[in-house]
C-alpha cells in the first residue's frame, strides 16, 4: 500500500485598488477575501491552493479654490498656479497606494476703469463713488466687482472757470469747456 500525500499552499497578497483585477492561478479577483482552488498534485491527490487577498484603497481628494487675479500665484502642495484649471498631485497614502489630490482652481479678474469729467468751478463739491471732491485732479476708489474682487476706478477731474457777465442788471454765469 502506497499512500500519496495531499498538498496545500497558502499565498498572501495585498494590492491597491487601481491594480485590479488581481490575477492568481488563472483567475481574476477584484475584492478582498480568502479564495481556494482545488487541483491534483503530481500523485493525483487533492492539492488546495489558498489565497488571502487584501485590497487597499487608493485615495482621492478634491479642493475647490476661487481667488482673484491679484492673489496669484496660488501655492498648493508646493506648486504655484497662475491660471484657472484642474490640477492633480500624486502622493502615496498610508497603505502604500496612490493618493491623488485634485485642485479645481477658478481665478476671477480684478477690474479697472478710468473716467474723465469736466465741471465748472461753481459745481463743487463734485461727488464721485461716495467721495466729495473739491478740486481738479486724479482720484482713485477701490470698489468690489461682481466676482468679489478689487475694482479700481480712476477719475480724471478737470475744472473750467466760470465767467460772470452783468448786463441790464441780470447776471449770467457761463462755463466754457
N, C-alpha and C. Protein backbone atom coordinates (compact mmCIF):
# COMPACT_ATOMS: atom_id res chain seq x y z
N UNK A 1 0.84 -1.16 0.00
CA UNK A 1 0.00 0.00 0.00
C UNK A 1 0.89 1.23 0.00
N UNK A 2 0.63 2.13 -0.95
CA UNK A 2 1.38 3.39 -1.03
C UNK A 2 0.38 4.52 -0.80
N UNK A 3 0.68 5.33 0.16
CA UNK A 3 -0.18 6.47 0.47
C UNK A 3 0.54 7.72 -0.04
N UNK A 4 -0.14 8.41 -0.96
CA UNK A 4 0.41 9.65 -1.51
C UNK A 4 -0.18 10.84 -0.75
N UNK A 5 0.63 11.82 -0.53
CA UNK A 5 0.16 12.96 0.27
C UNK A 5 -0.71 13.92 -0.55
N UNK A 6 -1.62 14.56 0.17
CA UNK A 6 -2.30 15.71 -0.43
C UNK A 6 -1.37 16.90 -0.20
N UNK A 7 -1.64 17.96 -0.88
CA UNK A 7 -0.78 19.13 -0.69
C UNK A 7 -1.63 20.39 -0.54
N UNK A 8 -1.04 21.39 0.08
CA UNK A 8 -1.73 22.67 0.28
C UNK A 8 -0.70 23.78 0.17
N UNK A 9 -1.15 24.91 -0.34
CA UNK A 9 -0.28 26.08 -0.38
C UNK A 9 -1.10 27.29 0.03
N UNK A 10 -0.44 28.21 0.69
CA UNK A 10 -1.09 29.45 1.12
C UNK A 10 -0.32 30.64 0.54
N UNK A 11 -1.06 31.58 -0.03
CA UNK A 11 -0.45 32.79 -0.56
C UNK A 11 -1.16 34.00 0.04
N UNK A 12 -0.39 34.99 0.38
CA UNK A 12 -0.94 36.26 0.85
C UNK A 12 -0.59 37.33 -0.17
N UNK A 13 -1.55 38.14 -0.49
CA UNK A 13 -1.31 39.22 -1.43
C UNK A 13 -2.06 40.48 -0.98
N UNK A 14 -1.38 41.60 -1.07
CA UNK A 14 -2.01 42.90 -0.80
C UNK A 14 -1.75 43.77 -2.02
N UNK A 15 -2.83 44.28 -2.61
CA UNK A 15 -2.71 45.11 -3.80
C UNK A 15 -3.56 46.37 -3.64
N UNK A 16 -3.25 47.36 -4.45
CA UNK A 16 -4.01 48.60 -4.45
C UNK A 16 -5.20 48.48 -5.41
N UNK A 17 -6.26 49.20 -5.10
CA UNK A 17 -7.48 49.07 -5.90
C UNK A 17 -7.28 49.46 -7.37
N UNK A 18 -6.30 50.31 -7.65
CA UNK A 18 -6.06 50.68 -9.04
C UNK A 18 -5.25 49.62 -9.79
N UNK A 19 -4.91 48.51 -9.11
CA UNK A 19 -4.18 47.41 -9.75
C UNK A 19 -5.10 46.22 -10.04
N UNK A 20 -6.39 46.40 -9.88
CA UNK A 20 -7.35 45.32 -10.11
C UNK A 20 -7.66 45.17 -11.58
N UNK A 21 -8.04 44.00 -12.03
CA UNK A 21 -8.21 42.79 -11.23
C UNK A 21 -6.85 42.15 -10.91
N UNK A 22 -6.81 41.43 -9.79
CA UNK A 22 -5.61 40.70 -9.39
C UNK A 22 -5.72 39.29 -9.96
N UNK A 23 -4.69 38.87 -10.67
CA UNK A 23 -4.71 37.56 -11.32
C UNK A 23 -3.88 36.57 -10.51
N UNK A 24 -4.50 35.42 -10.19
CA UNK A 24 -3.83 34.37 -9.42
C UNK A 24 -4.31 33.02 -9.93
N UNK A 25 -3.37 32.17 -10.30
CA UNK A 25 -3.67 30.83 -10.82
C UNK A 25 -4.73 30.85 -11.92
N UNK A 26 -4.60 31.83 -12.82
CA UNK A 26 -5.50 31.91 -13.97
C UNK A 26 -6.87 32.49 -13.66
N UNK A 27 -7.08 32.95 -12.45
CA UNK A 27 -8.36 33.55 -12.05
C UNK A 27 -8.15 35.03 -11.74
N UNK A 28 -9.17 35.83 -11.98
CA UNK A 28 -9.11 37.26 -11.67
C UNK A 28 -9.98 37.58 -10.46
N UNK A 29 -9.45 38.41 -9.56
CA UNK A 29 -10.16 38.76 -8.33
C UNK A 29 -10.18 40.28 -8.18
N UNK A 30 -11.32 40.79 -7.70
CA UNK A 30 -11.48 42.24 -7.56
C UNK A 30 -11.90 42.67 -6.17
N UNK A 31 -11.92 41.75 -5.21
CA UNK A 31 -12.28 42.14 -3.85
C UNK A 31 -11.47 41.33 -2.85
N UNK A 32 -11.33 41.91 -1.65
CA UNK A 32 -10.60 41.22 -0.60
C UNK A 32 -11.32 39.94 -0.20
N UNK A 33 -10.56 38.94 0.22
CA UNK A 33 -11.17 37.70 0.69
C UNK A 33 -10.17 36.56 0.67
N UNK A 34 -10.66 35.38 1.08
CA UNK A 34 -9.87 34.15 1.03
C UNK A 34 -10.45 33.29 -0.09
N UNK A 35 -9.59 32.91 -1.01
CA UNK A 35 -10.03 32.14 -2.17
C UNK A 35 -9.27 30.81 -2.19
N UNK A 36 -10.00 29.72 -2.50
CA UNK A 36 -9.42 28.39 -2.54
C UNK A 36 -9.64 27.79 -3.92
N UNK A 37 -8.62 27.13 -4.44
CA UNK A 37 -8.73 26.41 -5.70
C UNK A 37 -8.26 24.98 -5.47
N UNK A 38 -8.97 24.03 -6.06
CA UNK A 38 -8.60 22.62 -5.93
C UNK A 38 -7.94 22.15 -7.22
N UNK A 39 -6.82 21.45 -7.04
CA UNK A 39 -6.07 20.89 -8.15
C UNK A 39 -5.71 19.45 -7.79
N UNK A 40 -5.07 18.80 -8.70
CA UNK A 40 -4.49 17.48 -8.42
C UNK A 40 -2.98 17.64 -8.42
N UNK A 41 -2.34 17.08 -7.40
CA UNK A 41 -0.89 17.17 -7.36
C UNK A 41 -0.27 16.11 -8.26
N UNK A 42 1.03 16.00 -8.25
CA UNK A 42 1.73 15.09 -9.15
C UNK A 42 1.40 13.62 -8.88
N UNK A 43 0.83 13.32 -7.71
CA UNK A 43 0.44 11.95 -7.37
C UNK A 43 -1.02 11.69 -7.70
N UNK A 44 -1.73 12.73 -8.17
CA UNK A 44 -3.14 12.58 -8.46
C UNK A 44 -4.02 12.83 -7.24
N UNK A 45 -3.44 13.34 -6.17
CA UNK A 45 -4.20 13.62 -4.95
C UNK A 45 -4.60 15.08 -4.91
N UNK A 46 -5.54 15.39 -4.00
CA UNK A 46 -6.00 16.77 -3.87
C UNK A 46 -4.86 17.70 -3.49
N UNK A 47 -4.91 18.87 -4.12
CA UNK A 47 -3.98 19.95 -3.79
C UNK A 47 -4.82 21.21 -3.67
N UNK A 48 -4.82 21.81 -2.51
CA UNK A 48 -5.62 23.02 -2.26
C UNK A 48 -4.68 24.22 -2.22
N UNK A 49 -4.96 25.18 -3.10
CA UNK A 49 -4.21 26.44 -3.10
C UNK A 49 -5.13 27.51 -2.50
N UNK A 50 -4.62 28.23 -1.51
CA UNK A 50 -5.41 29.28 -0.85
C UNK A 50 -4.75 30.64 -1.06
N UNK A 51 -5.58 31.61 -1.33
CA UNK A 51 -5.13 32.98 -1.49
C UNK A 51 -5.84 33.85 -0.46
N UNK A 52 -5.08 34.57 0.34
CA UNK A 52 -5.63 35.56 1.25
C UNK A 52 -5.35 36.93 0.62
N UNK A 53 -6.37 37.50 -0.02
CA UNK A 53 -6.21 38.73 -0.80
C UNK A 53 -6.73 39.94 -0.01
N UNK A 54 -5.90 40.96 0.10
CA UNK A 54 -6.29 42.21 0.74
C UNK A 54 -6.17 43.34 -0.29
N UNK A 55 -7.27 44.06 -0.47
CA UNK A 55 -7.29 45.19 -1.40
C UNK A 55 -7.24 46.48 -0.59
N UNK A 56 -6.26 47.32 -0.88
CA UNK A 56 -6.15 48.64 -0.24
C UNK A 56 -6.67 49.69 -1.21
N UNK A 57 -7.41 50.64 -0.66
CA UNK A 57 -7.98 51.71 -1.49
C UNK A 57 -6.95 52.76 -1.85
N UNK A 58 -7.11 53.29 -3.05
CA UNK A 58 -6.37 54.49 -3.41
C UNK A 58 -7.15 55.65 -2.82
N UNK A 59 -6.53 56.79 -2.69
CA UNK A 59 -7.19 57.96 -2.11
C UNK A 59 -7.33 59.04 -3.16
N UNK A 60 -8.45 59.72 -3.10
CA UNK A 60 -8.68 60.86 -3.98
C UNK A 60 -9.30 61.97 -3.14
N UNK A 61 -8.73 63.15 -3.25
CA UNK A 61 -9.31 64.31 -2.56
C UNK A 61 -9.41 65.45 -3.55
N UNK A 62 -10.39 66.30 -3.33
CA UNK A 62 -10.58 67.47 -4.19
C UNK A 62 -10.64 68.72 -3.35
N UNK A 63 -10.00 69.76 -3.86
CA UNK A 63 -10.03 71.07 -3.23
C UNK A 63 -10.52 72.07 -4.26
N UNK A 64 -11.55 72.83 -3.90
CA UNK A 64 -12.03 73.89 -4.76
C UNK A 64 -11.48 75.21 -4.24
N UNK A 65 -10.87 75.98 -5.12
CA UNK A 65 -10.31 77.28 -4.72
C UNK A 65 -10.73 78.34 -5.73
N UNK A 66 -11.23 79.44 -5.21
CA UNK A 66 -11.59 80.59 -6.04
C UNK A 66 -10.85 81.79 -5.49
N UNK A 67 -10.05 82.42 -6.35
CA UNK A 67 -9.26 83.57 -5.93
C UNK A 67 -9.40 84.68 -6.97
N UNK A 68 -8.92 85.85 -6.61
CA UNK A 68 -8.89 86.99 -7.53
C UNK A 68 -7.51 87.05 -8.20
N UNK A 69 -7.45 87.61 -9.38
CA UNK A 69 -6.20 87.64 -10.14
C UNK A 69 -5.07 88.37 -9.42
N UNK A 70 -5.40 89.28 -8.51
CA UNK A 70 -4.35 89.97 -7.76
C UNK A 70 -3.81 89.11 -6.61
N UNK A 71 -4.33 87.89 -6.44
CA UNK A 71 -3.85 86.98 -5.40
C UNK A 71 -2.96 85.86 -5.96
N UNK A 72 -2.72 85.87 -7.27
CA UNK A 72 -1.88 84.82 -7.84
C UNK A 72 -0.41 85.15 -7.60
N UNK A 73 0.44 84.15 -7.52
CA UNK A 73 0.15 82.74 -7.73
C UNK A 73 -0.46 82.10 -6.48
N UNK A 74 -1.26 81.06 -6.71
CA UNK A 74 -1.78 80.24 -5.62
C UNK A 74 -0.79 79.11 -5.42
N UNK A 75 -0.31 78.93 -4.20
CA UNK A 75 0.62 77.84 -3.90
C UNK A 75 -0.19 76.73 -3.24
N UNK A 76 -0.13 75.54 -3.85
CA UNK A 76 -0.89 74.37 -3.38
C UNK A 76 0.01 73.15 -3.52
N UNK A 77 0.19 72.43 -2.44
CA UNK A 77 1.05 71.24 -2.42
C UNK A 77 2.43 71.51 -3.02
N UNK A 78 2.96 72.69 -2.69
CA UNK A 78 4.31 73.03 -3.12
C UNK A 78 4.43 73.50 -4.56
N UNK A 79 3.30 73.66 -5.25
CA UNK A 79 3.33 74.11 -6.64
C UNK A 79 2.61 75.46 -6.74
N UNK A 80 3.04 76.29 -7.70
CA UNK A 80 2.42 77.59 -7.93
C UNK A 80 1.54 77.53 -9.17
N UNK A 81 0.34 78.13 -9.07
CA UNK A 81 -0.60 78.13 -10.18
C UNK A 81 -1.03 79.56 -10.47
N UNK A 82 -1.09 79.91 -11.77
CA UNK A 82 -1.45 81.27 -12.17
C UNK A 82 -2.64 81.31 -13.14
N UNK A 83 -3.19 80.16 -13.50
CA UNK A 83 -4.35 80.13 -14.40
C UNK A 83 -5.41 79.17 -13.85
N UNK A 84 -6.66 79.45 -14.19
CA UNK A 84 -7.76 78.58 -13.80
C UNK A 84 -7.57 77.21 -14.44
N UNK A 85 -8.02 76.17 -13.76
CA UNK A 85 -7.95 74.83 -14.31
C UNK A 85 -8.08 73.77 -13.23
N UNK A 86 -7.96 72.51 -13.67
CA UNK A 86 -7.99 71.37 -12.76
C UNK A 86 -6.59 70.78 -12.76
N UNK A 87 -6.01 70.66 -11.57
CA UNK A 87 -4.64 70.19 -11.42
C UNK A 87 -4.62 69.00 -10.47
N UNK A 88 -3.62 68.14 -10.61
CA UNK A 88 -3.53 66.96 -9.75
C UNK A 88 -2.09 66.79 -9.26
N UNK A 89 -1.99 66.30 -8.04
CA UNK A 89 -0.71 65.93 -7.45
C UNK A 89 -0.83 64.49 -6.98
N UNK A 90 0.21 63.71 -7.22
CA UNK A 90 0.19 62.30 -6.81
C UNK A 90 1.08 62.08 -5.61
N UNK A 91 0.55 61.35 -4.64
CA UNK A 91 1.26 61.02 -3.42
C UNK A 91 1.06 59.53 -3.15
N UNK A 92 1.63 59.04 -2.07
CA UNK A 92 1.42 57.68 -1.61
C UNK A 92 0.71 57.76 -0.26
N UNK A 93 -0.42 57.02 -0.11
CA UNK A 93 -1.15 57.09 1.15
C UNK A 93 -0.56 56.12 2.18
N UNK A 94 -1.19 56.02 3.33
CA UNK A 94 -0.65 55.23 4.44
C UNK A 94 -0.62 53.73 4.16
N UNK A 95 -1.38 53.25 3.18
CA UNK A 95 -1.36 51.81 2.84
C UNK A 95 -0.41 51.53 1.67
N UNK A 96 0.32 52.57 1.23
CA UNK A 96 1.27 52.38 0.14
C UNK A 96 0.65 52.51 -1.24
N UNK A 97 -0.59 52.95 -1.30
CA UNK A 97 -1.27 53.09 -2.59
C UNK A 97 -1.28 54.55 -3.03
N UNK A 98 -1.65 54.75 -4.29
CA UNK A 98 -1.71 56.10 -4.84
C UNK A 98 -2.71 56.96 -4.07
N UNK A 99 -2.35 58.20 -3.90
CA UNK A 99 -3.23 59.21 -3.32
C UNK A 99 -3.20 60.38 -4.28
N UNK A 100 -4.33 60.67 -4.87
CA UNK A 100 -4.41 61.74 -5.87
C UNK A 100 -5.15 62.91 -5.25
N UNK A 101 -4.50 64.05 -5.22
CA UNK A 101 -5.10 65.29 -4.73
C UNK A 101 -5.40 66.16 -5.94
N UNK A 102 -6.65 66.59 -6.05
CA UNK A 102 -7.06 67.43 -7.18
C UNK A 102 -7.37 68.84 -6.70
N UNK A 103 -6.97 69.81 -7.51
CA UNK A 103 -7.28 71.22 -7.26
C UNK A 103 -8.14 71.72 -8.40
N UNK A 104 -9.33 72.23 -8.07
CA UNK A 104 -10.20 72.88 -9.04
C UNK A 104 -10.06 74.38 -8.79
N UNK A 105 -9.27 75.04 -9.63
CA UNK A 105 -8.93 76.44 -9.40
C UNK A 105 -9.68 77.36 -10.35
N UNK A 106 -10.34 78.36 -9.78
CA UNK A 106 -11.01 79.39 -10.56
C UNK A 106 -10.39 80.73 -10.17
N UNK A 107 -9.92 81.47 -11.16
CA UNK A 107 -9.34 82.78 -10.93
C UNK A 107 -10.24 83.82 -11.59
N UNK A 108 -10.76 84.72 -10.77
CA UNK A 108 -11.61 85.80 -11.27
C UNK A 108 -10.77 87.06 -11.48
N UNK A 109 -11.14 87.86 -12.48
CA UNK A 109 -10.36 89.07 -12.77
C UNK A 109 -10.66 90.21 -11.80
N UNK A 110 -9.66 91.03 -11.60
CA UNK A 110 -9.89 92.32 -10.98
C UNK A 110 -10.32 93.26 -12.10
N UNK A 111 -10.83 94.42 -11.74
CA UNK A 111 -11.33 95.36 -12.75
C UNK A 111 -10.66 96.71 -12.57
N UNK A 112 -10.54 97.42 -13.68
CA UNK A 112 -10.09 98.80 -13.64
C UNK A 112 -10.96 99.61 -14.59
N UNK A 113 -11.17 100.85 -14.24
CA UNK A 113 -11.90 101.75 -15.13
C UNK A 113 -11.35 103.15 -14.94
N UNK A 114 -11.39 103.92 -16.00
CA UNK A 114 -10.95 105.32 -15.95
C UNK A 114 -12.04 106.16 -16.60
N UNK A 115 -12.40 107.22 -15.90
CA UNK A 115 -13.37 108.15 -16.49
C UNK A 115 -12.85 109.56 -16.35
N UNK A 116 -13.27 110.40 -17.29
CA UNK A 116 -12.89 111.80 -17.31
C UNK A 116 -14.15 112.63 -17.06
N UNK A 117 -14.03 113.67 -16.27
CA UNK A 117 -15.15 114.58 -16.04
C UNK A 117 -14.64 116.01 -16.07
N UNK A 118 -15.41 116.88 -16.71
CA UNK A 118 -15.09 118.31 -16.73
C UNK A 118 -16.28 119.04 -16.14
N UNK A 119 -16.00 119.85 -15.12
CA UNK A 119 -17.07 120.59 -14.46
C UNK A 119 -16.68 122.06 -14.36
N UNK A 120 -17.66 122.88 -14.08
CA UNK A 120 -17.40 124.29 -13.84
C UNK A 120 -16.97 124.46 -12.39
N UNK A 121 -16.21 125.52 -12.12
CA UNK A 121 -15.68 125.74 -10.78
C UNK A 121 -16.78 125.97 -9.76
N UNK A 122 -17.98 126.39 -10.20
CA UNK A 122 -19.07 126.61 -9.26
C UNK A 122 -19.87 125.34 -8.98
N UNK A 123 -19.41 124.18 -9.48
CA UNK A 123 -20.14 122.92 -9.26
C UNK A 123 -19.52 122.07 -8.15
N UNK A 124 -18.61 122.66 -7.39
CA UNK A 124 -18.03 121.92 -6.27
C UNK A 124 -18.99 121.92 -5.09
N UNK A 125 -18.99 120.97 -4.21
CA UNK A 125 -18.19 119.75 -4.31
C UNK A 125 -18.77 118.80 -5.35
N UNK A 126 -17.87 118.07 -5.99
CA UNK A 126 -18.24 117.09 -7.01
C UNK A 126 -18.26 115.72 -6.33
N UNK A 127 -19.36 115.01 -6.45
CA UNK A 127 -19.50 113.71 -5.78
C UNK A 127 -19.24 112.57 -6.78
N UNK A 128 -18.34 111.66 -6.37
CA UNK A 128 -17.98 110.53 -7.24
C UNK A 128 -17.68 109.32 -6.35
N UNK A 129 -18.39 108.23 -6.55
CA UNK A 129 -18.19 106.98 -5.79
C UNK A 129 -18.14 107.22 -4.28
N UNK A 130 -19.03 108.09 -3.80
CA UNK A 130 -19.09 108.36 -2.37
C UNK A 130 -18.04 109.31 -1.86
N UNK A 131 -17.27 109.90 -2.75
CA UNK A 131 -16.22 110.85 -2.37
C UNK A 131 -16.65 112.25 -2.80
N UNK A 132 -16.56 113.22 -1.89
CA UNK A 132 -16.80 114.62 -2.25
C UNK A 132 -15.47 115.26 -2.60
N UNK A 133 -15.38 115.73 -3.84
CA UNK A 133 -14.14 116.29 -4.37
C UNK A 133 -14.27 117.80 -4.49
N UNK A 134 -13.21 118.51 -4.06
CA UNK A 134 -13.25 119.98 -4.06
C UNK A 134 -12.21 120.63 -4.96
N UNK A 135 -11.49 119.84 -5.76
CA UNK A 135 -10.51 120.44 -6.66
C UNK A 135 -10.23 119.48 -7.81
N UNK A 136 -9.68 120.03 -8.88
CA UNK A 136 -9.30 119.21 -10.03
C UNK A 136 -8.19 118.24 -9.63
N UNK A 137 -8.12 117.09 -10.33
CA UNK A 137 -7.06 116.14 -10.04
C UNK A 137 -7.42 114.73 -10.47
N UNK A 138 -6.58 113.82 -10.07
CA UNK A 138 -6.79 112.40 -10.37
C UNK A 138 -7.14 111.72 -9.05
N UNK A 139 -8.25 110.99 -9.06
CA UNK A 139 -8.75 110.34 -7.84
C UNK A 139 -8.96 108.85 -8.11
N UNK A 140 -8.77 108.05 -7.07
CA UNK A 140 -8.97 106.60 -7.19
C UNK A 140 -9.90 106.12 -6.09
N UNK A 141 -10.66 105.10 -6.43
CA UNK A 141 -11.53 104.44 -5.44
C UNK A 141 -11.39 102.94 -5.64
N UNK A 142 -11.24 102.21 -4.54
CA UNK A 142 -11.19 100.76 -4.60
C UNK A 142 -12.58 100.24 -4.26
N UNK A 143 -13.18 99.57 -5.24
CA UNK A 143 -14.53 99.03 -5.11
C UNK A 143 -14.46 97.51 -5.24
N UNK A 144 -15.59 96.86 -5.30
CA UNK A 144 -15.65 95.41 -5.46
C UNK A 144 -16.45 95.10 -6.72
N UNK A 145 -15.88 94.23 -7.59
CA UNK A 145 -16.60 93.88 -8.82
C UNK A 145 -17.58 92.72 -8.55
N UNK A 146 -18.26 92.25 -9.57
CA UNK A 146 -19.28 91.23 -9.40
C UNK A 146 -18.72 89.89 -8.93
N UNK A 147 -17.42 89.66 -9.03
CA UNK A 147 -16.79 88.43 -8.55
C UNK A 147 -16.30 88.55 -7.11
N UNK A 148 -16.45 89.75 -6.53
CA UNK A 148 -15.93 89.98 -5.19
C UNK A 148 -14.47 90.38 -5.18
N UNK A 149 -13.94 90.70 -6.35
CA UNK A 149 -12.53 91.10 -6.48
C UNK A 149 -12.43 92.63 -6.53
N UNK A 150 -11.20 93.12 -6.34
CA UNK A 150 -10.98 94.56 -6.39
C UNK A 150 -11.35 95.14 -7.75
N UNK A 151 -11.93 96.31 -7.70
CA UNK A 151 -12.23 97.08 -8.89
C UNK A 151 -11.70 98.48 -8.61
N UNK A 152 -10.67 98.87 -9.35
CA UNK A 152 -10.04 100.17 -9.14
C UNK A 152 -10.60 101.15 -10.17
N UNK A 153 -11.30 102.16 -9.65
CA UNK A 153 -11.88 103.20 -10.52
C UNK A 153 -11.01 104.45 -10.39
N UNK A 154 -10.72 105.05 -11.53
CA UNK A 154 -9.91 106.27 -11.55
C UNK A 154 -10.73 107.38 -12.22
N UNK A 155 -10.69 108.56 -11.62
CA UNK A 155 -11.37 109.73 -12.17
C UNK A 155 -10.34 110.80 -12.45
N UNK A 156 -10.35 111.30 -13.68
CA UNK A 156 -9.56 112.47 -14.06
C UNK A 156 -10.54 113.64 -14.07
N UNK A 157 -10.46 114.49 -13.06
CA UNK A 157 -11.40 115.60 -12.94
C UNK A 157 -10.75 116.90 -13.41
N UNK A 158 -11.41 117.54 -14.39
CA UNK A 158 -10.95 118.81 -14.93
C UNK A 158 -11.96 119.89 -14.55
N UNK A 159 -11.47 121.10 -14.28
CA UNK A 159 -12.34 122.20 -13.86
C UNK A 159 -12.07 123.39 -14.77
N UNK A 160 -13.16 124.00 -15.23
CA UNK A 160 -13.04 125.24 -16.01
C UNK A 160 -13.67 126.37 -15.20
N UNK A 161 -13.12 127.56 -15.36
CA UNK A 161 -13.63 128.71 -14.62
C UNK A 161 -14.93 129.20 -15.23
N UNK A 162 -15.76 129.78 -14.39
CA UNK A 162 -17.00 130.38 -14.87
C UNK A 162 -16.71 131.85 -15.19
N UNK A 163 -17.50 132.40 -16.10
CA UNK A 163 -17.37 133.81 -16.49
C UNK A 163 -18.67 134.50 -16.09
N UNK A 164 -18.54 135.59 -15.37
CA UNK A 164 -19.72 136.35 -14.95
C UNK A 164 -19.91 137.54 -15.89
N UNK A 165 -21.15 137.81 -16.26
CA UNK A 165 -21.46 138.91 -17.15
C UNK A 165 -22.64 139.67 -16.57
N UNK A 166 -22.43 140.96 -16.32
CA UNK A 166 -23.53 141.78 -15.80
C UNK A 166 -24.07 142.61 -16.96
N UNK A 167 -25.29 142.37 -17.35
CA UNK A 167 -25.89 143.08 -18.48
C UNK A 167 -27.34 143.35 -18.13
N UNK A 168 -27.73 144.60 -18.20
CA UNK A 168 -29.09 145.02 -17.85
C UNK A 168 -29.52 144.50 -16.49
N UNK A 169 -28.65 144.61 -15.56
CA UNK A 169 -28.90 144.22 -14.19
C UNK A 169 -29.25 142.74 -14.03
N UNK A 170 -28.87 141.92 -15.00
CA UNK A 170 -29.06 140.46 -14.91
C UNK A 170 -27.67 139.84 -14.94
N UNK A 171 -27.42 138.90 -14.06
CA UNK A 171 -26.10 138.25 -14.01
C UNK A 171 -26.23 136.84 -14.55
N UNK A 172 -25.36 136.55 -15.51
CA UNK A 172 -25.33 135.20 -16.06
C UNK A 172 -23.97 134.58 -15.77
N UNK A 173 -23.97 133.30 -15.56
CA UNK A 173 -22.70 132.57 -15.42
C UNK A 173 -22.56 131.62 -16.59
N UNK A 174 -21.40 131.63 -17.19
CA UNK A 174 -21.13 130.74 -18.32
C UNK A 174 -19.93 129.86 -17.99
N UNK A 175 -20.01 128.68 -18.45
CA UNK A 175 -18.90 127.74 -18.27
C UNK A 175 -18.56 127.22 -19.66
N UNK A 176 -17.31 127.45 -20.11
CA UNK A 176 -16.89 127.00 -21.44
C UNK A 176 -15.98 125.79 -21.28
N UNK A 177 -16.26 124.79 -22.04
CA UNK A 177 -15.41 123.61 -21.98
C UNK A 177 -14.72 123.36 -23.28
